[in-house]
Protein backbone atom coordinates (compact mmCIF):
# COMPACT_ATOMS: atom_id res chain seq x y z
CA MET A 1 46.27 -27.74 14.63
CA ASN A 2 48.30 -25.28 12.72
CA LYS A 3 50.19 -28.23 11.03
CA ASN A 4 46.90 -29.79 9.91
CA LEU A 5 45.65 -26.34 8.70
CA GLY A 6 48.78 -25.83 6.74
CA LYS A 7 48.37 -29.19 5.03
CA LEU A 8 44.83 -28.30 4.20
CA VAL A 9 45.81 -25.09 2.72
CA GLN A 10 48.59 -26.69 0.76
CA GLN A 11 46.30 -29.32 -0.68
CA LEU A 12 43.64 -26.77 -1.62
CA GLY A 13 46.37 -24.74 -3.39
CA GLU A 14 47.50 -27.84 -5.27
CA ILE A 15 43.87 -28.60 -6.29
CA TRP A 16 43.33 -24.98 -7.41
CA LYS A 17 46.43 -25.15 -9.64
CA GLN A 18 45.11 -28.25 -11.30
CA LEU A 19 41.57 -26.80 -11.94
CA GLY A 20 40.52 -25.75 -15.41
CA THR A 21 39.24 -22.21 -16.42
CA SER A 22 35.69 -23.10 -16.28
CA GLN A 23 36.05 -24.84 -13.04
CA ARG A 24 37.87 -21.90 -11.47
CA VAL A 25 35.06 -19.60 -12.65
CA SER A 26 32.40 -21.82 -11.29
CA VAL A 27 34.13 -22.05 -7.88
CA LEU A 28 34.70 -18.24 -7.73
CA ALA A 29 30.96 -17.60 -8.66
CA ALA A 30 29.71 -20.00 -6.07
CA THR A 31 32.09 -18.45 -3.50
CA PHE A 32 30.88 -14.93 -4.41
CA VAL A 33 27.15 -15.86 -4.21
CA LEU A 34 27.76 -17.60 -0.82
CA ILE A 35 29.66 -14.54 0.61
CA ALA A 36 27.10 -12.18 -0.79
CA GLY A 37 24.19 -14.12 0.71
CA LEU A 38 25.85 -14.39 4.09
CA SER A 39 26.69 -10.64 4.13
CA THR A 40 23.09 -9.74 3.14
CA ILE A 41 21.68 -11.89 5.90
CA ALA A 42 24.12 -10.47 8.42
CA PHE A 43 23.33 -6.92 7.35
CA TRP A 44 19.52 -7.25 7.46
CA SER A 45 19.70 -9.13 10.83
CA SER A 46 21.89 -6.35 12.35
CA ARG A 47 20.00 -3.46 10.70
CA THR A 48 17.93 -1.24 13.07
CA GLU A 49 14.31 -0.83 12.05
CA TYR A 50 13.04 2.82 12.41
CA GLY A 51 9.47 3.90 12.99
CA LEU A 52 7.75 7.25 12.70
CA LEU A 53 7.88 9.31 15.92
CA TYR A 54 6.15 12.48 14.74
CA GLY A 55 5.22 13.78 11.35
CA ARG A 56 4.12 17.11 9.76
CA LEU A 57 6.15 19.13 12.29
CA ALA A 58 7.01 22.72 11.95
CA ASP A 59 10.79 23.71 12.05
CA GLY A 60 10.59 24.99 15.60
CA GLU A 61 8.92 21.85 16.93
CA SER A 62 11.28 19.58 15.01
CA ALA A 63 14.23 21.38 16.74
CA LYS A 64 12.71 20.77 20.14
CA VAL A 65 12.12 17.14 19.43
CA ILE A 66 15.71 16.64 18.19
CA ALA A 67 17.13 18.42 21.15
CA ALA A 68 15.17 16.12 23.48
CA LEU A 69 16.38 13.05 21.58
CA ASP A 70 20.00 14.17 21.65
CA GLU A 71 19.67 14.75 25.46
CA SER A 72 18.26 11.21 25.78
CA LYS A 73 20.98 9.78 23.48
CA VAL A 74 18.46 8.16 21.26
CA PRO A 75 19.35 7.54 17.63
CA TYR A 76 17.05 9.16 15.04
CA GLN A 77 16.61 9.86 11.38
CA ILE A 78 15.11 12.95 9.65
CA GLY A 79 12.74 12.66 6.70
CA ALA A 80 10.30 14.61 4.59
CA GLY A 81 12.44 17.77 4.54
CA GLY A 82 12.73 17.90 8.34
CA SER A 83 8.91 17.62 9.06
CA SER A 84 9.14 13.97 10.25
CA ILE A 85 11.46 12.30 12.67
CA LEU A 86 12.11 8.52 12.93
CA VAL A 87 13.48 6.59 15.94
CA PRO A 88 14.14 2.88 16.49
CA ALA A 89 10.82 1.04 16.36
CA ASP A 90 11.17 -0.40 19.85
CA LYS A 91 11.43 3.09 21.29
CA VAL A 92 8.66 4.92 19.46
CA TYR A 93 5.98 4.76 22.14
CA THR A 94 8.46 5.18 25.03
CA MET A 95 9.91 8.32 23.47
CA ARG A 96 6.38 9.69 22.76
CA MET A 97 5.38 9.34 26.39
CA GLN A 98 8.60 10.82 27.53
CA LEU A 99 8.23 13.86 25.17
CA ALA A 100 4.59 14.30 26.08
CA ASN A 101 5.69 14.63 29.75
CA LYS A 102 7.90 17.47 28.63
CA GLY A 103 5.16 19.09 26.58
CA ILE A 104 6.74 18.38 23.18
CA PRO A 105 5.58 18.95 20.66
CA ARG A 106 2.99 21.59 21.33
CA GLY A 107 2.12 22.77 17.85
CA ASP A 108 1.73 26.20 16.52
CA GLY A 109 0.63 28.79 19.11
CA VAL A 110 -0.25 28.32 22.83
CA GLY A 111 -3.16 26.20 24.02
CA PHE A 112 -4.90 25.85 27.28
CA GLU A 113 -1.53 24.71 28.73
CA ILE A 114 -0.96 28.36 29.38
CA PHE A 115 -3.20 27.97 32.52
CA ASP A 116 -1.36 24.91 33.89
CA LYS A 117 0.98 27.26 35.91
CA PRO A 118 -0.83 29.19 38.64
CA ASN A 119 -0.46 32.95 38.13
CA PHE A 120 -1.49 35.00 41.17
CA GLY A 121 -2.00 38.67 41.09
CA ILE A 122 -2.58 39.12 37.30
CA SER A 123 -5.16 41.58 36.14
CA ASP A 124 -8.48 40.67 34.49
CA PHE A 125 -7.19 42.10 31.19
CA VAL A 126 -4.19 39.78 31.05
CA GLN A 127 -6.35 36.82 32.10
CA ARG A 128 -8.74 37.66 29.28
CA ALA A 129 -5.94 38.00 26.77
CA ASN A 130 -4.47 34.64 27.84
CA TYR A 131 -7.92 33.07 27.39
CA VAL A 132 -8.14 34.44 23.80
CA ARG A 133 -4.60 33.21 23.04
CA ALA A 134 -5.52 29.62 24.32
CA VAL A 135 -8.69 29.47 22.24
CA GLN A 136 -6.75 30.69 19.15
CA GLY A 137 -4.05 28.07 19.66
CA GLU A 138 -6.49 25.25 20.23
CA LEU A 139 -8.44 26.16 17.17
CA GLY A 140 -5.34 26.35 15.06
CA ARG A 141 -4.25 22.93 16.19
CA THR A 142 -7.66 21.43 15.54
CA ILE A 143 -8.01 22.84 12.06
CA SER A 144 -4.50 21.61 11.23
CA GLN A 145 -5.80 18.03 11.70
CA LEU A 146 -7.88 18.31 8.50
CA ASP A 147 -6.34 16.25 5.61
CA GLU A 148 -6.27 19.19 3.14
CA ILE A 149 -4.61 21.64 5.54
CA GLU A 150 -0.91 21.70 6.42
CA SER A 151 -1.13 24.42 9.10
CA ALA A 152 -3.54 26.99 10.34
CA ARG A 153 -3.64 30.20 12.53
CA VAL A 154 -6.78 31.71 14.05
CA MET A 155 -7.17 35.36 15.19
CA ILE A 156 -10.17 36.26 17.36
CA VAL A 157 -11.56 39.79 18.14
CA LEU A 158 -13.91 39.92 21.07
CA PRO A 159 -15.79 43.14 22.07
CA GLU A 160 -15.05 44.51 25.50
CA ASN A 161 -17.41 43.67 28.31
CA ARG A 162 -19.57 46.76 29.07
CA LEU A 163 -22.68 47.46 31.02
CA LEU A 164 -24.37 48.78 27.90
CA LEU A 165 -24.10 46.66 24.90
CA ASP A 166 -23.49 48.07 21.43
CA LYS A 167 -25.19 46.02 18.73
CA ASP A 168 -22.71 47.36 16.12
CA LYS A 169 -19.82 45.65 17.84
CA TYR A 170 -19.73 41.91 17.67
CA ALA A 171 -17.14 39.08 17.75
CA THR A 172 -15.17 38.43 14.58
CA ALA A 173 -12.56 35.78 13.60
CA SER A 174 -9.97 35.28 10.90
CA VAL A 175 -8.48 31.99 9.89
CA PHE A 176 -5.37 31.63 7.81
CA VAL A 177 -4.65 28.15 6.38
CA ARG A 178 -1.83 26.71 4.36
CA VAL A 179 -3.28 24.12 1.99
CA LYS A 180 -1.29 21.11 0.96
CA GLY A 181 0.13 21.22 -2.58
CA ASN A 182 -1.42 24.72 -3.06
CA SER A 183 -4.64 22.97 -4.04
CA GLN A 184 -8.13 24.47 -3.79
CA LEU A 185 -9.81 23.93 -0.49
CA PRO A 186 -13.28 22.41 -0.97
CA THR A 187 -16.40 24.42 0.06
CA GLN A 188 -17.37 21.75 2.56
CA SER A 189 -14.07 22.15 4.35
CA ILE A 190 -14.41 25.92 4.32
CA ASN A 191 -17.87 25.69 5.84
CA SER A 192 -16.69 23.24 8.48
CA ILE A 193 -13.89 25.57 9.57
CA ARG A 194 -16.30 28.50 9.85
CA PHE A 195 -18.82 26.54 12.01
CA LEU A 196 -16.07 25.07 14.12
CA VAL A 197 -14.64 28.51 15.00
CA ALA A 198 -18.09 30.01 15.44
CA ASN A 199 -19.23 27.32 17.88
CA SER A 200 -16.11 27.65 19.83
CA VAL A 201 -16.33 31.40 20.66
CA GLU A 202 -19.30 32.92 22.55
CA GLY A 203 -21.38 35.31 20.46
CA LEU A 204 -19.53 34.53 17.17
CA LYS A 205 -21.59 33.87 14.11
CA PRO A 206 -20.39 31.83 11.04
CA ASN A 207 -21.01 34.76 8.85
CA HIS A 208 -18.39 36.74 10.77
CA VAL A 209 -15.59 34.23 10.27
CA THR A 210 -13.19 34.91 7.39
CA VAL A 211 -10.98 32.15 5.85
CA VAL A 212 -7.93 33.06 3.80
CA ASP A 213 -5.42 30.60 2.24
CA ASN A 214 -1.70 30.92 1.73
CA LEU A 215 -2.21 32.15 -1.85
CA GLY A 216 -4.10 35.20 -0.77
CA ASN A 217 -7.65 33.92 -1.82
CA VAL A 218 -10.56 34.74 0.38
CA LEU A 219 -12.28 31.45 0.63
CA SER A 220 -15.29 32.53 2.72
CA GLU A 221 -18.28 34.37 1.22
CA ASN A 222 -20.45 37.02 2.89
CA THR A 223 -23.68 35.20 3.56
CA ASP A 224 -25.23 37.77 5.88
CA ASN A 225 -28.83 38.11 4.80
CA ASP A 226 -29.06 41.48 6.52
CA SER A 227 -26.66 43.07 3.98
CA LEU A 228 -27.29 43.75 0.36
CA THR A 229 -23.99 42.16 -0.55
CA GLY A 230 -24.83 38.96 1.45
CA LEU A 231 -28.34 38.80 -0.04
CA THR A 232 -27.05 39.18 -3.60
CA SER A 233 -24.41 36.48 -3.01
CA THR A 234 -26.95 34.10 -1.60
CA GLN A 235 -29.39 34.81 -4.54
CA LEU A 236 -26.58 34.24 -7.14
CA THR A 237 -25.54 30.98 -5.42
CA ALA A 238 -29.06 29.64 -5.30
CA ARG A 239 -29.58 30.50 -8.95
CA ARG A 240 -26.28 28.91 -10.01
CA ASN A 241 -27.03 25.70 -8.04
CA LEU A 242 -30.53 25.50 -9.66
CA GLU A 243 -29.22 26.01 -13.15
CA GLN A 244 -26.43 23.48 -12.65
CA TYR A 245 -28.86 20.94 -11.24
CA LEU A 246 -31.25 21.20 -14.15
CA GLY A 247 -28.52 21.20 -16.73
CA ARG A 248 -26.91 18.18 -15.27
CA LYS A 249 -30.19 16.25 -15.19
CA ALA A 250 -30.75 16.90 -18.89
CA GLN A 251 -27.16 16.26 -20.00
CA ASP A 252 -26.92 12.91 -18.11
CA LEU A 253 -30.14 11.81 -19.74
CA LEU A 254 -28.90 12.69 -23.25
CA GLU A 255 -25.45 11.07 -22.71
CA LYS A 256 -27.22 7.89 -21.75
CA VAL A 257 -28.86 7.95 -25.21
CA LEU A 258 -26.27 9.61 -27.45
CA GLY A 259 -23.00 8.65 -25.72
CA PRO A 260 -20.53 10.44 -23.54
CA GLY A 261 -19.60 13.94 -24.78
CA GLN A 262 -22.25 14.01 -27.46
CA ALA A 263 -24.55 16.62 -25.78
CA ILE A 264 -24.19 20.02 -24.11
CA VAL A 265 -27.00 21.49 -22.03
CA ARG A 266 -27.08 25.04 -20.47
CA VAL A 267 -30.05 26.25 -18.44
CA SER A 268 -30.95 29.82 -17.49
CA ALA A 269 -33.46 30.20 -14.68
CA ASP A 270 -35.29 33.37 -13.59
CA ILE A 271 -36.13 32.99 -9.90
CA ASN A 272 -38.69 35.21 -8.01
CA TYR A 273 -36.98 36.39 -4.79
CA ASP A 274 -40.05 38.42 -3.63
CA THR A 275 -41.62 37.42 -0.38
CA ILE A 276 -45.46 38.11 -0.56
CA SER A 277 -47.84 38.12 2.43
CA LYS A 278 -51.50 38.37 1.28
CA THR A 279 -54.67 38.60 3.45
CA GLU A 280 -58.11 38.47 1.76
CA GLU A 281 -61.67 39.01 3.19
CA LYS A 282 -64.80 37.98 1.39
CA PHE A 283 -68.41 38.99 2.42
CA ASP A 284 -71.43 36.84 1.49
CA PRO A 285 -74.78 38.71 1.74
CA ASP A 286 -76.70 35.58 1.07
CA GLY A 287 -75.19 33.74 3.84
CA GLN A 288 -76.79 35.70 6.74
CA VAL A 289 -76.56 34.24 10.17
CA ILE A 290 -78.22 35.47 13.47
CA ARG A 291 -75.78 37.29 15.59
CA GLN A 292 -78.17 38.45 18.44
CA GLN A 293 -81.89 37.98 19.16
CA THR A 294 -83.87 39.86 21.90
CA LYS A 295 -87.56 39.14 22.75
CA ASN A 296 -89.61 41.25 25.40
CA ASP A 297 -93.07 40.04 26.60
CA ASP A 298 -95.06 42.58 28.73
CA SER A 299 -98.54 41.85 30.33
CA VAL A 300 -100.67 44.54 32.16
CA ASP A 301 -104.01 43.69 34.07
CA SER A 302 -106.37 46.66 35.23
CA SER A 303 -109.86 46.82 36.76
CA THR A 304 -112.25 49.95 37.15
CA SER A 305 -115.73 50.42 38.74
CA SER A 306 -118.49 52.89 37.97
CA SER A 307 -120.33 54.45 41.16
CA SER A 308 -124.01 55.82 41.02
CA SER A 309 -124.24 57.25 44.59
CA PRO A 310 -124.55 60.98 45.19
CA VAL A 311 -121.60 62.98 46.05
CA GLY A 312 -121.25 63.35 49.76
CA ILE A 313 -119.85 61.81 52.89
CA SER A 314 -121.15 58.36 52.21
CA ALA A 315 -119.49 58.37 48.88
CA ASN A 316 -116.18 59.22 50.36
CA THR A 317 -116.38 56.70 53.21
CA SER A 318 -115.18 53.28 52.32
CA THR A 319 -117.44 50.82 53.99
CA ASP A 320 -118.81 47.48 53.00
CA THR A 321 -122.22 48.98 52.66
CA ASN A 322 -120.92 51.61 50.42
CA ASN A 323 -119.08 49.11 48.30
CA ALA A 324 -122.00 46.97 47.88
CA ALA A 325 -124.05 49.90 46.84
CA ALA A 326 -121.40 50.77 44.34
CA GLY A 327 -121.84 50.13 40.58
CA PRO A 328 -120.46 47.32 38.42
CA MET A 329 -116.62 46.67 38.02
CA ASN A 330 -114.69 47.06 34.56
CA ASN A 331 -111.61 44.68 34.06
CA SER A 332 -109.05 45.17 31.23
CA LYS A 333 -105.86 43.28 30.27
CA THR A 334 -102.99 44.52 28.02
CA ARG A 335 -100.09 42.30 26.70
CA LYS A 336 -97.11 43.67 24.61
CA ILE A 337 -94.47 41.47 22.99
CA THR A 338 -91.30 43.09 21.46
CA SER A 339 -88.76 41.05 19.43
CA THR A 340 -85.32 42.32 18.18
CA VAL A 341 -83.07 40.24 15.88
CA ASP A 342 -79.64 41.30 14.63
CA TYR A 343 -78.17 39.41 11.61
CA GLU A 344 -74.36 38.97 10.67
CA ILE A 345 -73.26 39.02 7.05
CA GLY A 346 -71.02 36.00 6.24
CA LYS A 347 -67.26 36.71 5.99
CA THR A 348 -64.38 34.65 4.82
CA THR A 349 -60.82 35.71 5.78
CA SER A 350 -57.65 33.99 4.18
CA SER A 351 -53.94 34.74 4.63
CA THR A 352 -51.27 33.62 2.19
CA VAL A 353 -47.51 33.92 2.53
CA GLN A 354 -45.54 33.22 -0.65
CA ALA A 355 -41.82 32.41 0.13
CA ALA A 356 -38.93 33.52 -2.12
CA GLY A 357 -37.42 31.10 -4.57
CA GLY A 358 -40.22 30.36 -6.95
CA ILE A 359 -39.28 29.85 -10.64
CA LYS A 360 -40.55 32.56 -12.92
CA ARG A 361 -39.14 31.26 -16.22
CA ILE A 362 -36.71 28.68 -17.58
CA ALA A 363 -34.78 28.81 -20.83
CA ALA A 364 -32.59 25.93 -22.00
CA ALA A 365 -30.13 25.68 -24.82
CA VAL A 366 -29.28 22.15 -25.94
CA THR A 367 -26.72 21.17 -28.57
CA VAL A 368 -26.16 17.57 -29.82
CA ALA A 369 -23.37 16.30 -31.87
CA GLY A 370 -24.09 15.46 -35.48
CA LEU A 371 -23.68 12.08 -36.97
CA TRP A 372 -20.54 11.50 -39.16
CA ASP A 373 -20.51 9.05 -42.06
CA GLY A 374 -17.21 7.81 -43.46
CA THR A 375 -13.61 8.14 -42.43
CA GLY A 376 -10.80 10.47 -43.39
CA LYS A 377 -11.33 12.86 -46.28
CA ASP A 378 -14.60 11.12 -47.20
CA ARG A 379 -16.03 11.89 -43.76
CA LYS A 380 -19.25 13.98 -43.89
CA LEU A 381 -22.01 15.22 -41.61
CA VAL A 382 -25.34 13.41 -41.64
CA ASN A 383 -28.33 15.18 -40.19
CA ARG A 384 -30.60 13.41 -37.79
CA PRO A 385 -34.33 12.89 -38.79
CA PRO A 386 -36.77 15.62 -37.59
CA GLU A 387 -38.67 12.99 -35.58
CA GLU A 388 -35.59 12.22 -33.50
CA ILE A 389 -34.78 15.89 -32.91
CA GLU A 390 -38.37 16.33 -31.66
CA LYS A 391 -38.04 13.31 -29.42
CA LEU A 392 -34.97 14.69 -27.87
CA ARG A 393 -36.58 18.03 -27.33
CA ARG A 394 -39.49 16.50 -25.55
CA VAL A 395 -37.19 14.40 -23.29
CA VAL A 396 -35.21 17.50 -22.29
CA SER A 397 -38.42 19.42 -21.78
CA ASN A 398 -39.82 16.81 -19.39
CA ALA A 399 -36.49 16.43 -17.60
CA ILE A 400 -36.11 20.14 -16.57
CA GLY A 401 -39.86 20.72 -16.15
CA VAL A 402 -40.59 23.21 -19.03
CA ASP A 403 -43.96 24.88 -18.60
CA ALA A 404 -45.30 26.61 -21.67
CA THR A 405 -47.90 28.62 -19.65
CA ARG A 406 -45.06 30.11 -17.69
CA GLY A 407 -43.24 31.22 -20.77
CA ASP A 408 -40.48 28.58 -20.68
CA SER A 409 -38.51 27.97 -23.86
CA ILE A 410 -36.05 25.22 -25.04
CA SER A 411 -33.73 25.35 -28.08
CA LEU A 412 -32.30 22.08 -29.43
CA GLU A 413 -29.79 22.16 -32.25
CA GLU A 414 -27.70 19.62 -34.01
CA LEU A 415 -24.22 20.74 -34.76
CA ALA A 416 -20.86 19.29 -35.71
CA PHE A 417 -18.52 19.16 -32.63
CA ASN A 418 -14.90 20.02 -33.21
CA ASP A 419 -13.22 16.66 -32.17
CA THR A 420 -9.88 17.26 -33.81
CA PHE A 421 -8.14 17.83 -30.50
CA ALA A 422 -9.80 14.78 -28.89
CA THR A 423 -8.93 12.66 -31.88
CA GLU A 424 -5.33 13.65 -31.73
CA VAL A 425 -5.21 12.98 -28.00
CA THR A 426 -6.82 9.60 -28.48
CA GLN A 427 -4.40 8.69 -31.20
CA ASN A 428 -1.47 9.77 -29.21
CA LEU A 429 -2.74 7.93 -26.23
CA GLU A 430 -3.15 4.69 -28.24
CA LYS A 431 0.35 5.07 -29.71
CA GLN A 432 1.78 5.60 -26.24
CA GLN A 433 -0.18 2.59 -24.85
CA THR A 434 1.06 0.43 -27.71
CA HIS A 435 4.72 1.63 -27.15
CA ASP A 436 4.40 0.96 -23.36
CA MET A 437 2.97 -2.51 -23.98
CA TRP A 438 5.83 -3.55 -26.41
CA PHE A 439 8.45 -1.94 -24.15
CA ASN A 440 7.10 -3.88 -21.03
CA LEU A 441 7.05 -7.07 -23.11
CA ALA A 442 10.64 -6.53 -24.33
CA ARG A 443 11.77 -5.70 -20.88
CA GLY A 444 10.17 -8.71 -19.44
CA ALA A 445 11.61 -11.01 -22.04
CA ALA A 446 15.15 -9.40 -21.98
CA TYR A 447 15.99 -10.63 -18.47
CA PRO A 448 15.09 -14.33 -19.13
CA ALA A 449 16.90 -14.03 -22.56
CA LEU A 450 20.04 -12.81 -20.92
CA GLY A 451 19.82 -15.61 -18.40
CA VAL A 452 19.47 -18.21 -21.08
CA LEU A 453 22.34 -16.65 -23.01
CA ALA A 454 24.64 -16.69 -19.99
CA LEU A 455 23.68 -20.35 -19.34
CA LEU A 456 24.50 -21.22 -22.87
CA ILE A 457 27.86 -19.54 -22.80
CA LEU A 458 28.68 -21.21 -19.46
CA LEU A 459 27.70 -24.71 -20.90
CA LYS A 460 29.86 -24.06 -24.01
CA MET A 461 32.86 -23.21 -21.83
CA PHE A 462 32.37 -26.36 -19.86
CA LYS A 463 32.15 -28.46 -22.95
CA SER A 464 35.23 -26.92 -24.55
CA THR A 465 37.39 -27.44 -21.44
CA PRO A 466 39.21 -30.90 -21.37
CA ILE A 467 38.52 -33.17 -18.57
CA GLN A 468 41.31 -33.24 -16.07
CA GLU A 469 41.82 -35.75 -13.30
CA ILE A 470 42.47 -34.54 -9.88
CA PRO A 471 44.84 -36.67 -7.91
CA LEU A 472 43.31 -37.87 -4.63
CA GLY A 473 46.46 -38.78 -2.84
CA VAL A 474 50.28 -37.96 -2.71
CA PRO A 475 51.86 -38.97 -5.97
CA VAL A 476 54.57 -41.58 -5.96
CA GLY A 477 57.10 -39.22 -7.30
CA ARG A 478 56.38 -36.73 -4.49
CA LEU A 479 57.63 -39.35 -2.02
CA ASN A 480 60.91 -39.68 -3.74
CA GLY A 481 61.23 -35.88 -4.49
CA GLN A 482 62.30 -36.72 -8.03
CA GLY A 483 60.77 -36.51 -11.57
CA LYS A 484 58.48 -34.13 -13.10
CA LEU A 485 54.76 -33.92 -13.79
CA ASN A 486 53.41 -36.32 -16.40
CA GLY A 487 50.22 -35.80 -18.43
CA ASN A 488 48.12 -36.84 -15.45
CA GLY A 489 49.78 -34.50 -13.05
CA ALA A 490 51.91 -37.27 -11.23
CA HIS A 491 55.58 -37.05 -10.54
CA TRP A 492 57.52 -39.80 -12.23
CA PRO A 493 61.26 -40.45 -12.53
CA GLU A 494 62.74 -39.49 -15.79
CA ASP A 495 64.12 -42.89 -16.64
CA ALA A 496 62.00 -45.96 -17.17
CA GLU A 497 63.78 -48.05 -14.52
CA SER A 498 63.10 -45.77 -11.68
CA ARG A 499 59.31 -45.99 -12.39
CA ALA A 500 59.16 -49.40 -10.68
CA VAL A 501 57.62 -49.23 -7.27
CA THR A 502 59.41 -51.18 -4.62
CA VAL A 503 57.62 -53.19 -1.94
CA ASP A 504 58.75 -50.84 0.82
CA VAL A 505 57.32 -47.90 -1.12
CA LEU A 506 54.05 -49.73 -1.84
CA ASN A 507 53.72 -50.75 1.80
CA LYS A 508 54.30 -47.10 2.82
CA LEU A 509 51.65 -45.83 0.34
CA ILE A 510 49.17 -48.36 1.59
CA LYS A 511 49.73 -47.35 5.22
CA GLU A 512 49.45 -43.69 4.44
CA ASN A 513 46.42 -43.71 2.22
CA PRO A 514 44.82 -47.15 1.85
CA ALA A 515 41.66 -45.80 0.04
CA ASN A 516 43.63 -44.07 -2.63
CA MET A 517 45.85 -47.02 -3.22
CA THR A 518 42.80 -49.32 -3.58
CA GLN A 519 41.38 -46.90 -6.26
CA ALA A 520 44.76 -46.74 -7.92
CA ILE A 521 45.09 -50.50 -8.08
CA ARG A 522 41.52 -50.75 -9.47
CA ASP A 523 42.33 -48.12 -12.19
CA TRP A 524 45.48 -49.97 -13.00
CA MET A 525 43.83 -53.25 -13.35
CA ALA A 526 41.06 -51.72 -15.50
CA LYS A 527 43.63 -50.11 -17.83
CA GLY A 528 45.57 -53.27 -17.94
CA GLY A 529 42.37 -55.12 -18.95
CA ARG A 530 41.53 -52.76 -21.75
CA ALA A 531 45.24 -52.89 -22.96
CA ALA A 532 44.96 -56.69 -23.13
CA GLU A 533 41.72 -56.55 -25.07
CA GLN A 534 43.39 -54.22 -27.61
């Protein structure tokens, strides 16, 4: 095996010595490309793929995770300034479950895991303090999950439990947030934080939650309607929102007609914040109605008789004889009807409650850009026709709801906008875009050009290199060990007589390499035929 390998190496060395410059360059380039490709494949196949274990970790939590990984002898990588840790992709979920079993990471603060361990014999004060700490930690972790916030801490102040409540003492909370990139936290996120904290603490109102960022800005506003400051802030906010809404409506309408940036609209609104409760009563004398009617009907029947007998015993004795002897009877009837009627005067009662927020007056200032004619130094301002100005005024008036009876006013003026800065920016942007376009085109064409140039140089080197025949077998002179290399690279004896090949040598050559000898005889016969023709 070693002998054959040595012969192979010797033949390759002889072949390499007989190669030309271009052929050697080609062989080396092909060998380098092959080795580089095999090395790349081997590297990528043996490379360990890492996946994200945890991200956005604090320094303390990162240290705990790294300590646990070192204890488990798991390789890891640290990225993003130490806030993210990567482990082999096939071990991500396993390590997460193992670390979760150890309570790592916990995040900033202490959550409800503080009650996982039973603590007997602690006082009510300590238990209440632990509860507040747990709520603060859980709220801080929850707020940190927002996309705009990097970290958050919550401080809660709860009034003491007493038999008699003091209305001047109420729950309050403060939230400190670290915003990503020192950007401005949106109002919607601020309100979300306030309502999240308020709804997590008993007796806490959103107005009593203060939000502060890492730049020292107080993000929350006092919206307590019971205080003068809160009422004023609410009124100013309502007025600003109304003015921005009306101005945006009119400006969007004008920009659709004139073009973007060709109009500026500012609206000033006077809002009535008075709350009026009105009760009105009206009496109608002509609209009388019967309230009560009483009617009494009395009838009296009476009868009397006149007697003509003398006064005496018989007159005082009531007998039938006496009655018969009495005089005629007098009957009388009396009837009395009494009617009482009470009338009610018609009354109408109305109650009206007028809420705050009504618009008392609107004033709008509208500026439209003038028209320019010409370019360069010949550029001049051309005024719009009065009819067009009036149309624009009516359009804006209808858009924002101008009421002349209310005293509303609108001012529309045509002015020349200072577009020098915008023109320079546009020109610079166009130049930069043109430069980038040509640079990208040149860069895209440079690589193919370099490739074509290298190919042309290689072809030229191949053409300029003389064709050299590579001997396929052992030259005749090699068997004799005499002579020197001729023009074709074969060993021949120095004298002409020794060039003759004996029968024994020819038989030996045929036995050793019959294929090469066959090819050599064919070449000799071909050369001999061409020589005969010449």
